[in-house]
Amino acid sequence: MDGILAVYKPVGITSFDVIRELKHAIHPDFKVGHGGTLDPFADGVLLLLLGKATKRMNELAELPKTYLATAVLGARSDTLDRTGIIVPQIINHAQPECNEGAGKFSNSQIEEAAKKFVGEIEQVIPDYSATKINGIPRYKLARRGEAMEKKTKMVMIYDL
């Protein structure tokens, strides 16, 4: 069986957990890969590559993707994602006028700010991401307190 299978990956499991379940259902030696990792806290479509289609992994990983996100303006976590602890924002006591209106943004202000993120940008790969270092996800190394070299990659943001 060769092909690409789109499956829904729920929150709370890894992309490899999905592969493990499929291999358990079919055959432990069956060749299965995926077209790009989803973080354990993310849900969405995971492309499973079956048999000879695993050779297309790099090709699929380069295709454009669409993400839907929810954000709280003005909030930041120590892991840069929903799994972290919300870090208090610094209040500028020297210039109180800088704090005035914080958290009160119009739709047009938000849309204008979003334009700055569209195009080819150099993205810093967060320590708390599924990107691997020597086969180990960065988020596992970060949770163990291991220092990691900062890495970046060029990404294209078509719309935000």
N, C-alpha and C. Protein backbone atom coordinates (compact mmCIF):
# COMPACT_ATOMS: atom_id res chain seq x y z
N MET A 1 0.85 -1.17 0.00
CA MET A 1 0.00 0.00 0.00
C MET A 1 0.90 1.24 0.00
N ASP A 2 0.78 2.05 -1.06
CA ASP A 2 1.55 3.28 -1.20
C ASP A 2 0.57 4.43 -1.36
N GLY A 3 0.85 5.54 -0.69
CA GLY A 3 -0.01 6.70 -0.85
C GLY A 3 0.14 7.68 0.28
N ILE A 4 -0.70 8.70 0.22
CA ILE A 4 -0.72 9.74 1.25
C ILE A 4 -2.10 9.71 1.89
N LEU A 5 -2.11 9.67 3.21
CA LEU A 5 -3.35 9.59 3.97
C LEU A 5 -3.43 10.80 4.89
N ALA A 6 -4.47 11.60 4.74
CA ALA A 6 -4.68 12.75 5.62
C ALA A 6 -5.48 12.29 6.83
N VAL A 7 -4.93 12.50 8.02
CA VAL A 7 -5.62 12.10 9.25
C VAL A 7 -5.68 13.29 10.20
N TYR A 8 -6.64 13.26 11.11
CA TYR A 8 -6.76 14.29 12.12
C TYR A 8 -5.93 13.89 13.33
N LYS A 9 -5.00 14.77 13.75
CA LYS A 9 -4.22 14.54 14.97
C LYS A 9 -4.79 15.44 16.06
N PRO A 10 -5.31 14.83 17.13
CA PRO A 10 -5.86 15.65 18.21
C PRO A 10 -4.78 16.20 19.13
N VAL A 11 -5.16 17.14 19.98
CA VAL A 11 -4.27 17.70 21.00
C VAL A 11 -3.90 16.59 21.98
N GLY A 12 -2.64 16.62 22.45
CA GLY A 12 -2.24 15.70 23.51
C GLY A 12 -1.43 14.51 23.07
N ILE A 13 -1.31 14.29 21.77
CA ILE A 13 -0.48 13.19 21.29
C ILE A 13 0.51 13.75 20.26
N THR A 14 1.58 13.01 20.05
CA THR A 14 2.59 13.45 19.10
C THR A 14 2.27 12.91 17.71
N SER A 15 2.92 13.47 16.72
CA SER A 15 2.77 12.96 15.35
C SER A 15 3.24 11.51 15.28
N PHE A 16 4.29 11.18 16.03
CA PHE A 16 4.78 9.80 16.01
C PHE A 16 3.79 8.86 16.69
N ASP A 17 3.01 9.35 17.67
CA ASP A 17 1.97 8.52 18.29
C ASP A 17 0.96 8.07 17.22
N VAL A 18 0.61 8.96 16.30
CA VAL A 18 -0.32 8.63 15.22
C VAL A 18 0.28 7.54 14.34
N ILE A 19 1.56 7.71 13.98
CA ILE A 19 2.25 6.70 13.16
C ILE A 19 2.28 5.36 13.89
N ARG A 20 2.61 5.39 15.17
CA ARG A 20 2.68 4.16 15.97
C ARG A 20 1.34 3.42 15.96
N GLU A 21 0.24 4.15 16.11
CA GLU A 21 -1.09 3.54 16.11
C GLU A 21 -1.41 2.90 14.76
N LEU A 22 -1.07 3.61 13.68
CA LEU A 22 -1.33 3.07 12.34
C LEU A 22 -0.51 1.80 12.11
N LYS A 23 0.77 1.84 12.47
CA LYS A 23 1.62 0.66 12.30
C LYS A 23 1.11 -0.51 13.13
N HIS A 24 0.62 -0.22 14.31
CA HIS A 24 0.06 -1.27 15.18
C HIS A 24 -1.18 -1.89 14.52
N ALA A 25 -1.99 -1.05 13.87
CA ALA A 25 -3.21 -1.53 13.23
C ALA A 25 -2.92 -2.30 11.94
N ILE A 26 -1.85 -1.96 11.23
CA ILE A 26 -1.54 -2.59 9.95
C ILE A 26 -0.49 -3.69 10.12
N HIS A 27 0.73 -3.27 10.40
CA HIS A 27 1.86 -4.21 10.57
C HIS A 27 3.03 -3.41 11.12
N PRO A 28 3.72 -3.92 12.14
CA PRO A 28 4.82 -3.16 12.75
C PRO A 28 5.95 -2.78 11.79
N ASP A 29 6.14 -3.56 10.73
CA ASP A 29 7.23 -3.28 9.79
C ASP A 29 6.79 -2.42 8.61
N PHE A 30 5.52 -2.02 8.59
CA PHE A 30 5.01 -1.22 7.48
C PHE A 30 5.68 0.15 7.49
N LYS A 31 6.10 0.62 6.34
CA LYS A 31 6.82 1.89 6.21
C LYS A 31 5.83 3.06 6.23
N VAL A 32 5.94 3.90 7.28
CA VAL A 32 5.05 5.05 7.44
C VAL A 32 5.89 6.25 7.90
N GLY A 33 5.61 7.39 7.31
CA GLY A 33 6.24 8.65 7.74
C GLY A 33 5.17 9.73 7.74
N HIS A 34 5.58 10.97 7.92
CA HIS A 34 4.62 12.07 7.87
C HIS A 34 5.22 13.25 7.13
N GLY A 35 4.35 14.12 6.67
CA GLY A 35 4.77 15.27 5.87
C GLY A 35 5.08 16.52 6.67
N GLY A 36 5.23 16.40 7.98
CA GLY A 36 5.54 17.54 8.83
C GLY A 36 4.96 17.35 10.22
N THR A 37 5.75 17.59 11.22
CA THR A 37 5.35 17.37 12.61
C THR A 37 4.38 18.44 13.10
N LEU A 38 3.40 18.01 13.85
CA LEU A 38 2.53 18.93 14.60
C LEU A 38 2.92 18.81 16.06
N ASP A 39 3.07 19.93 16.75
CA ASP A 39 3.40 19.90 18.17
C ASP A 39 2.33 19.14 18.94
N PRO A 40 2.69 18.53 20.07
CA PRO A 40 1.70 17.76 20.85
C PRO A 40 0.48 18.58 21.27
N PHE A 41 0.64 19.90 21.50
CA PHE A 41 -0.51 20.71 21.93
C PHE A 41 -1.36 21.19 20.76
N ALA A 42 -0.93 20.89 19.53
CA ALA A 42 -1.66 21.33 18.34
C ALA A 42 -2.54 20.20 17.80
N ASP A 43 -3.65 20.58 17.22
CA ASP A 43 -4.46 19.60 16.52
C ASP A 43 -4.54 20.04 15.06
N GLY A 44 -4.84 19.09 14.19
CA GLY A 44 -4.96 19.43 12.78
C GLY A 44 -4.69 18.24 11.88
N VAL A 45 -4.59 18.55 10.59
CA VAL A 45 -4.38 17.52 9.58
C VAL A 45 -2.91 17.13 9.56
N LEU A 46 -2.67 15.83 9.67
CA LEU A 46 -1.32 15.28 9.59
C LEU A 46 -1.29 14.39 8.36
N LEU A 47 -0.37 14.65 7.45
CA LEU A 47 -0.26 13.82 6.25
C LEU A 47 0.64 12.62 6.56
N LEU A 48 0.06 11.43 6.47
CA LEU A 48 0.84 10.20 6.65
C LEU A 48 1.26 9.70 5.29
N LEU A 49 2.53 9.34 5.18
CA LEU A 49 3.09 8.85 3.92
C LEU A 49 3.27 7.34 4.06
N LEU A 50 2.67 6.62 3.16
CA LEU A 50 2.64 5.16 3.26
C LEU A 50 3.50 4.52 2.17
N GLY A 51 4.30 3.55 2.57
CA GLY A 51 5.11 2.78 1.62
C GLY A 51 6.06 3.66 0.83
N LYS A 52 5.99 3.55 -0.50
CA LYS A 52 6.90 4.30 -1.37
C LYS A 52 6.68 5.82 -1.30
N ALA A 53 5.53 6.24 -0.83
CA ALA A 53 5.25 7.68 -0.72
C ALA A 53 6.13 8.35 0.33
N THR A 54 6.77 7.56 1.22
CA THR A 54 7.67 8.16 2.22
C THR A 54 8.83 8.89 1.55
N LYS A 55 9.13 8.53 0.31
CA LYS A 55 10.20 9.20 -0.43
C LYS A 55 9.84 10.64 -0.77
N ARG A 56 8.56 11.01 -0.61
CA ARG A 56 8.11 12.37 -0.93
C ARG A 56 8.08 13.27 0.30
N MET A 57 8.62 12.79 1.42
CA MET A 57 8.56 13.52 2.68
C MET A 57 9.12 14.94 2.55
N ASN A 58 10.31 15.09 2.01
CA ASN A 58 10.92 16.42 1.89
C ASN A 58 10.11 17.32 0.98
N GLU A 59 9.57 16.75 -0.09
CA GLU A 59 8.76 17.52 -1.04
C GLU A 59 7.51 18.08 -0.34
N LEU A 60 6.83 17.26 0.43
CA LEU A 60 5.61 17.70 1.12
C LEU A 60 5.91 18.70 2.22
N ALA A 61 7.02 18.52 2.91
CA ALA A 61 7.38 19.42 4.01
C ALA A 61 7.59 20.85 3.51
N GLU A 62 7.94 21.01 2.25
CA GLU A 62 8.20 22.34 1.68
C GLU A 62 6.94 23.03 1.17
N LEU A 63 5.81 22.33 1.08
CA LEU A 63 4.59 22.93 0.56
C LEU A 63 4.02 23.95 1.54
N PRO A 64 3.30 24.96 1.03
CA PRO A 64 2.69 25.94 1.93
C PRO A 64 1.64 25.28 2.83
N LYS A 65 1.50 25.82 4.01
CA LYS A 65 0.55 25.28 4.99
C LYS A 65 -0.33 26.42 5.50
N THR A 66 -1.47 26.06 6.02
CA THR A 66 -2.38 27.03 6.62
C THR A 66 -2.56 26.68 8.08
N TYR A 67 -2.46 27.69 8.94
CA TYR A 67 -2.61 27.51 10.37
C TYR A 67 -3.74 28.42 10.86
N LEU A 68 -4.46 27.96 11.85
CA LEU A 68 -5.46 28.77 12.52
C LEU A 68 -5.01 28.88 13.97
N ALA A 69 -4.89 30.09 14.45
CA ALA A 69 -4.39 30.29 15.81
C ALA A 69 -5.29 31.27 16.55
N THR A 70 -5.29 31.12 17.85
CA THR A 70 -5.98 32.06 18.74
C THR A 70 -4.90 32.67 19.62
N ALA A 71 -4.97 33.97 19.80
CA ALA A 71 -3.95 34.65 20.60
C ALA A 71 -4.61 35.61 21.57
N VAL A 72 -3.93 35.85 22.67
CA VAL A 72 -4.34 36.87 23.62
C VAL A 72 -3.32 37.99 23.51
N LEU A 73 -3.74 39.13 23.01
CA LEU A 73 -2.82 40.25 22.84
C LEU A 73 -2.32 40.73 24.19
N GLY A 74 -1.01 40.92 24.27
CA GLY A 74 -0.40 41.39 25.49
C GLY A 74 0.04 40.28 26.43
N ALA A 75 -0.30 39.04 26.12
CA ALA A 75 0.11 37.91 26.96
C ALA A 75 1.30 37.22 26.32
N ARG A 76 2.17 36.69 27.17
CA ARG A 76 3.33 35.96 26.68
C ARG A 76 3.64 34.85 27.67
N SER A 77 3.97 33.66 27.14
CA SER A 77 4.31 32.57 28.05
C SER A 77 5.81 32.32 28.00
N ASP A 78 6.33 31.66 29.02
CA ASP A 78 7.77 31.40 29.07
C ASP A 78 8.23 30.39 28.03
N THR A 79 7.30 29.67 27.41
CA THR A 79 7.64 28.70 26.37
C THR A 79 7.22 29.19 24.98
N LEU A 80 6.62 30.37 24.91
CA LEU A 80 6.10 30.97 23.67
C LEU A 80 4.93 30.18 23.08
N ASP A 81 4.29 29.33 23.89
CA ASP A 81 3.11 28.60 23.44
C ASP A 81 2.16 28.41 24.61
N ARG A 82 1.08 27.70 24.40
CA ARG A 82 0.04 27.56 25.43
C ARG A 82 0.43 26.65 26.58
N THR A 83 1.55 25.94 26.46
CA THR A 83 1.95 25.02 27.53
C THR A 83 2.71 25.72 28.64
N GLY A 84 3.10 26.97 28.41
CA GLY A 84 3.93 27.67 29.38
C GLY A 84 3.16 28.46 30.41
N ILE A 85 3.92 29.09 31.28
CA ILE A 85 3.38 29.96 32.32
C ILE A 85 3.34 31.37 31.77
N ILE A 86 2.22 32.07 31.97
CA ILE A 86 2.11 33.44 31.49
C ILE A 86 3.08 34.31 32.28
N VAL A 87 3.92 35.01 31.53
CA VAL A 87 4.95 35.88 32.11
C VAL A 87 4.36 37.28 32.22
N PRO A 88 4.46 37.89 33.41
CA PRO A 88 3.93 39.26 33.54
C PRO A 88 4.62 40.21 32.57
N GLN A 89 3.85 41.13 32.02
CA GLN A 89 4.39 42.11 31.10
C GLN A 89 5.00 43.26 31.90
N ILE A 90 6.06 43.81 31.37
CA ILE A 90 6.76 44.92 32.03
C ILE A 90 5.93 46.19 31.85
N ILE A 91 5.71 46.89 32.92
CA ILE A 91 5.01 48.17 32.87
C ILE A 91 6.06 49.26 32.91
N ASN A 92 5.94 50.20 32.03
CA ASN A 92 6.90 51.29 31.92
C ASN A 92 6.49 52.41 32.87
N HIS A 93 7.06 52.40 34.09
CA HIS A 93 6.72 53.42 35.08
C HIS A 93 7.34 54.77 34.74
N ALA A 94 8.45 54.77 34.00
CA ALA A 94 9.12 56.02 33.64
C ALA A 94 8.29 56.81 32.62
N GLN A 95 7.56 56.09 31.77
CA GLN A 95 6.73 56.74 30.76
C GLN A 95 5.34 56.11 30.80
N PRO A 96 4.53 56.51 31.78
CA PRO A 96 3.20 55.90 31.94
C PRO A 96 2.33 56.01 30.69
N GLU A 97 2.58 57.05 29.87
CA GLU A 97 1.76 57.20 28.65
C GLU A 97 1.95 56.02 27.70
N CYS A 98 3.08 55.28 27.82
CA CYS A 98 3.33 54.11 26.97
C CYS A 98 2.39 52.97 27.34
N ASN A 99 1.90 52.96 28.57
CA ASN A 99 1.02 51.90 29.03
C ASN A 99 -0.45 52.21 28.76
N GLU A 100 -0.74 53.48 28.50
CA GLU A 100 -2.12 53.89 28.29
C GLU A 100 -2.68 53.22 27.04
N GLY A 101 -3.83 52.65 27.19
CA GLY A 101 -4.46 51.99 26.06
C GLY A 101 -3.92 50.61 25.78
N ALA A 102 -3.00 50.11 26.64
CA ALA A 102 -2.46 48.76 26.43
C ALA A 102 -3.60 47.77 26.44
N GLY A 103 -3.64 46.92 25.44
CA GLY A 103 -4.70 45.92 25.35
C GLY A 103 -5.93 46.43 24.63
N LYS A 104 -5.92 47.70 24.22
CA LYS A 104 -7.06 48.28 23.52
C LYS A 104 -6.62 48.62 22.10
N PHE A 105 -6.81 47.69 21.21
CA PHE A 105 -6.38 47.88 19.83
C PHE A 105 -7.59 47.79 18.92
N SER A 106 -7.62 48.63 17.91
CA SER A 106 -8.69 48.56 16.91
C SER A 106 -8.35 47.47 15.90
N ASN A 107 -9.35 47.03 15.18
CA ASN A 107 -9.11 46.03 14.13
C ASN A 107 -8.12 46.56 13.11
N SER A 108 -8.21 47.83 12.76
CA SER A 108 -7.30 48.38 11.75
C SER A 108 -5.86 48.41 12.27
N GLN A 109 -5.66 48.68 13.57
CA GLN A 109 -4.31 48.66 14.15
C GLN A 109 -3.74 47.24 14.11
N ILE A 110 -4.56 46.27 14.42
CA ILE A 110 -4.12 44.87 14.41
C ILE A 110 -3.78 44.44 12.98
N GLU A 111 -4.64 44.81 12.03
CA GLU A 111 -4.40 44.45 10.63
C GLU A 111 -3.13 45.11 10.11
N GLU A 112 -2.88 46.34 10.50
CA GLU A 112 -1.66 47.05 10.08
C GLU A 112 -0.42 46.38 10.66
N ALA A 113 -0.47 46.00 11.92
CA ALA A 113 0.67 45.32 12.56
C ALA A 113 0.91 43.96 11.92
N ALA A 114 -0.15 43.25 11.55
CA ALA A 114 -0.02 41.92 10.95
C ALA A 114 0.71 41.97 9.61
N LYS A 115 0.56 43.07 8.88
CA LYS A 115 1.22 43.22 7.57
C LYS A 115 2.74 43.12 7.69
N LYS A 116 3.28 43.50 8.85
CA LYS A 116 4.73 43.47 9.05
C LYS A 116 5.27 42.04 9.09
N PHE A 117 4.39 41.06 9.27
CA PHE A 117 4.83 39.67 9.35
C PHE A 117 4.66 38.93 8.03
N VAL A 118 4.13 39.58 7.01
CA VAL A 118 3.89 38.94 5.73
C VAL A 118 5.12 39.09 4.84
N GLY A 119 5.45 38.01 4.13
CA GLY A 119 6.61 37.99 3.25
C GLY A 119 7.61 36.96 3.73
N GLU A 120 8.80 37.00 3.17
CA GLU A 120 9.85 36.07 3.60
C GLU A 120 10.51 36.66 4.84
N ILE A 121 10.50 35.88 5.90
CA ILE A 121 11.08 36.34 7.16
C ILE A 121 12.02 35.28 7.70
N GLU A 122 12.97 35.76 8.50
CA GLU A 122 13.87 34.84 9.20
C GLU A 122 13.22 34.54 10.54
N GLN A 123 12.83 33.29 10.72
CA GLN A 123 12.11 32.88 11.92
C GLN A 123 13.07 32.21 12.90
N VAL A 124 13.06 32.65 14.14
CA VAL A 124 13.84 31.99 15.18
C VAL A 124 13.08 30.74 15.57
N ILE A 125 13.76 29.60 15.56
CA ILE A 125 13.12 28.35 15.95
C ILE A 125 13.05 28.32 17.48
N PRO A 126 11.84 28.30 18.04
CA PRO A 126 11.72 28.33 19.50
C PRO A 126 12.33 27.09 20.16
N ASP A 127 12.87 27.27 21.36
CA ASP A 127 13.40 26.12 22.11
C ASP A 127 12.28 25.12 22.38
N TYR A 128 11.07 25.61 22.59
CA TYR A 128 9.93 24.73 22.85
C TYR A 128 9.20 24.47 21.54
N SER A 129 9.84 23.71 20.65
CA SER A 129 9.21 23.33 19.39
C SER A 129 9.53 21.86 19.12
N ALA A 130 8.82 21.30 18.16
CA ALA A 130 9.02 19.89 17.81
C ALA A 130 10.22 19.68 16.90
N THR A 131 10.86 20.76 16.47
CA THR A 131 12.07 20.64 15.65
C THR A 131 13.10 19.83 16.41
N LYS A 132 13.75 18.92 15.71
CA LYS A 132 14.65 17.99 16.40
C LYS A 132 16.12 18.40 16.31
N ILE A 133 16.84 18.06 17.38
CA ILE A 133 18.29 18.17 17.44
C ILE A 133 18.79 16.76 17.73
N ASN A 134 19.54 16.20 16.79
CA ASN A 134 20.03 14.82 16.93
C ASN A 134 18.90 13.85 17.28
N GLY A 135 17.74 14.04 16.63
CA GLY A 135 16.61 13.14 16.81
C GLY A 135 15.75 13.40 18.03
N ILE A 136 16.08 14.41 18.83
CA ILE A 136 15.31 14.70 20.05
C ILE A 136 14.60 16.05 19.85
N PRO A 137 13.28 16.10 20.08
CA PRO A 137 12.56 17.38 19.93
C PRO A 137 13.14 18.45 20.86
N ARG A 138 13.23 19.65 20.34
CA ARG A 138 13.77 20.77 21.13
C ARG A 138 13.00 20.96 22.43
N TYR A 139 11.67 20.75 22.40
CA TYR A 139 10.89 20.99 23.63
C TYR A 139 11.30 20.03 24.74
N LYS A 140 11.74 18.82 24.41
CA LYS A 140 12.19 17.88 25.45
C LYS A 140 13.51 18.35 26.05
N LEU A 141 14.42 18.82 25.20
CA LEU A 141 15.70 19.34 25.68
C LEU A 141 15.47 20.58 26.55
N ALA A 142 14.56 21.46 26.12
CA ALA A 142 14.28 22.68 26.87
C ALA A 142 13.69 22.35 28.24
N ARG A 143 12.80 21.39 28.29
CA ARG A 143 12.19 21.03 29.58
C ARG A 143 13.20 20.38 30.52
N ARG A 144 14.26 19.82 29.97
CA ARG A 144 15.34 19.25 30.81
C ARG A 144 16.34 20.32 31.22
N GLY A 145 16.14 21.55 30.72
CA GLY A 145 17.02 22.65 31.08
C GLY A 145 18.31 22.70 30.27
N GLU A 146 18.38 21.95 29.16
CA GLU A 146 19.59 21.93 28.34
C GLU A 146 19.67 23.17 27.46
N ALA A 147 20.83 23.75 27.38
CA ALA A 147 21.06 24.92 26.54
C ALA A 147 21.15 24.47 25.08
N MET A 148 20.56 25.26 24.19
CA MET A 148 20.58 24.94 22.77
C MET A 148 21.07 26.14 21.98
N GLU A 149 21.76 25.84 20.91
CA GLU A 149 22.19 26.89 20.00
C GLU A 149 20.96 27.48 19.33
N LYS A 150 20.90 28.82 19.26
CA LYS A 150 19.77 29.46 18.58
C LYS A 150 19.87 29.18 17.09
N LYS A 151 18.76 28.76 16.52
CA LYS A 151 18.71 28.47 15.09
C LYS A 151 17.60 29.30 14.46
N THR A 152 17.79 29.64 13.20
CA THR A 152 16.76 30.35 12.45
C THR A 152 16.53 29.62 11.14
N LYS A 153 15.40 29.93 10.52
CA LYS A 153 15.13 29.41 9.18
C LYS A 153 14.31 30.44 8.44
N MET A 154 14.45 30.46 7.15
CA MET A 154 13.67 31.38 6.33
C MET A 154 12.31 30.74 6.07
N VAL A 155 11.26 31.52 6.30
CA VAL A 155 9.90 31.05 6.04
C VAL A 155 9.16 32.11 5.24
N MET A 156 8.17 31.65 4.50
CA MET A 156 7.34 32.58 3.71
C MET A 156 5.95 32.62 4.34
N ILE A 157 5.55 33.82 4.74
CA ILE A 157 4.21 34.04 5.28
C ILE A 157 3.42 34.72 4.15
N TYR A 158 2.42 34.01 3.62
CA TYR A 158 1.64 34.53 2.49
C TYR A 158 0.54 35.46 2.94
N ASP A 159 -0.03 35.19 4.12
CA ASP A 159 -1.15 35.98 4.60
C ASP A 159 -1.26 35.78 6.11
N LEU A 160 -1.69 36.82 6.80
CA LEU A 160 -1.89 36.73 8.24
C LEU A 160 -3.12 37.54 8.60
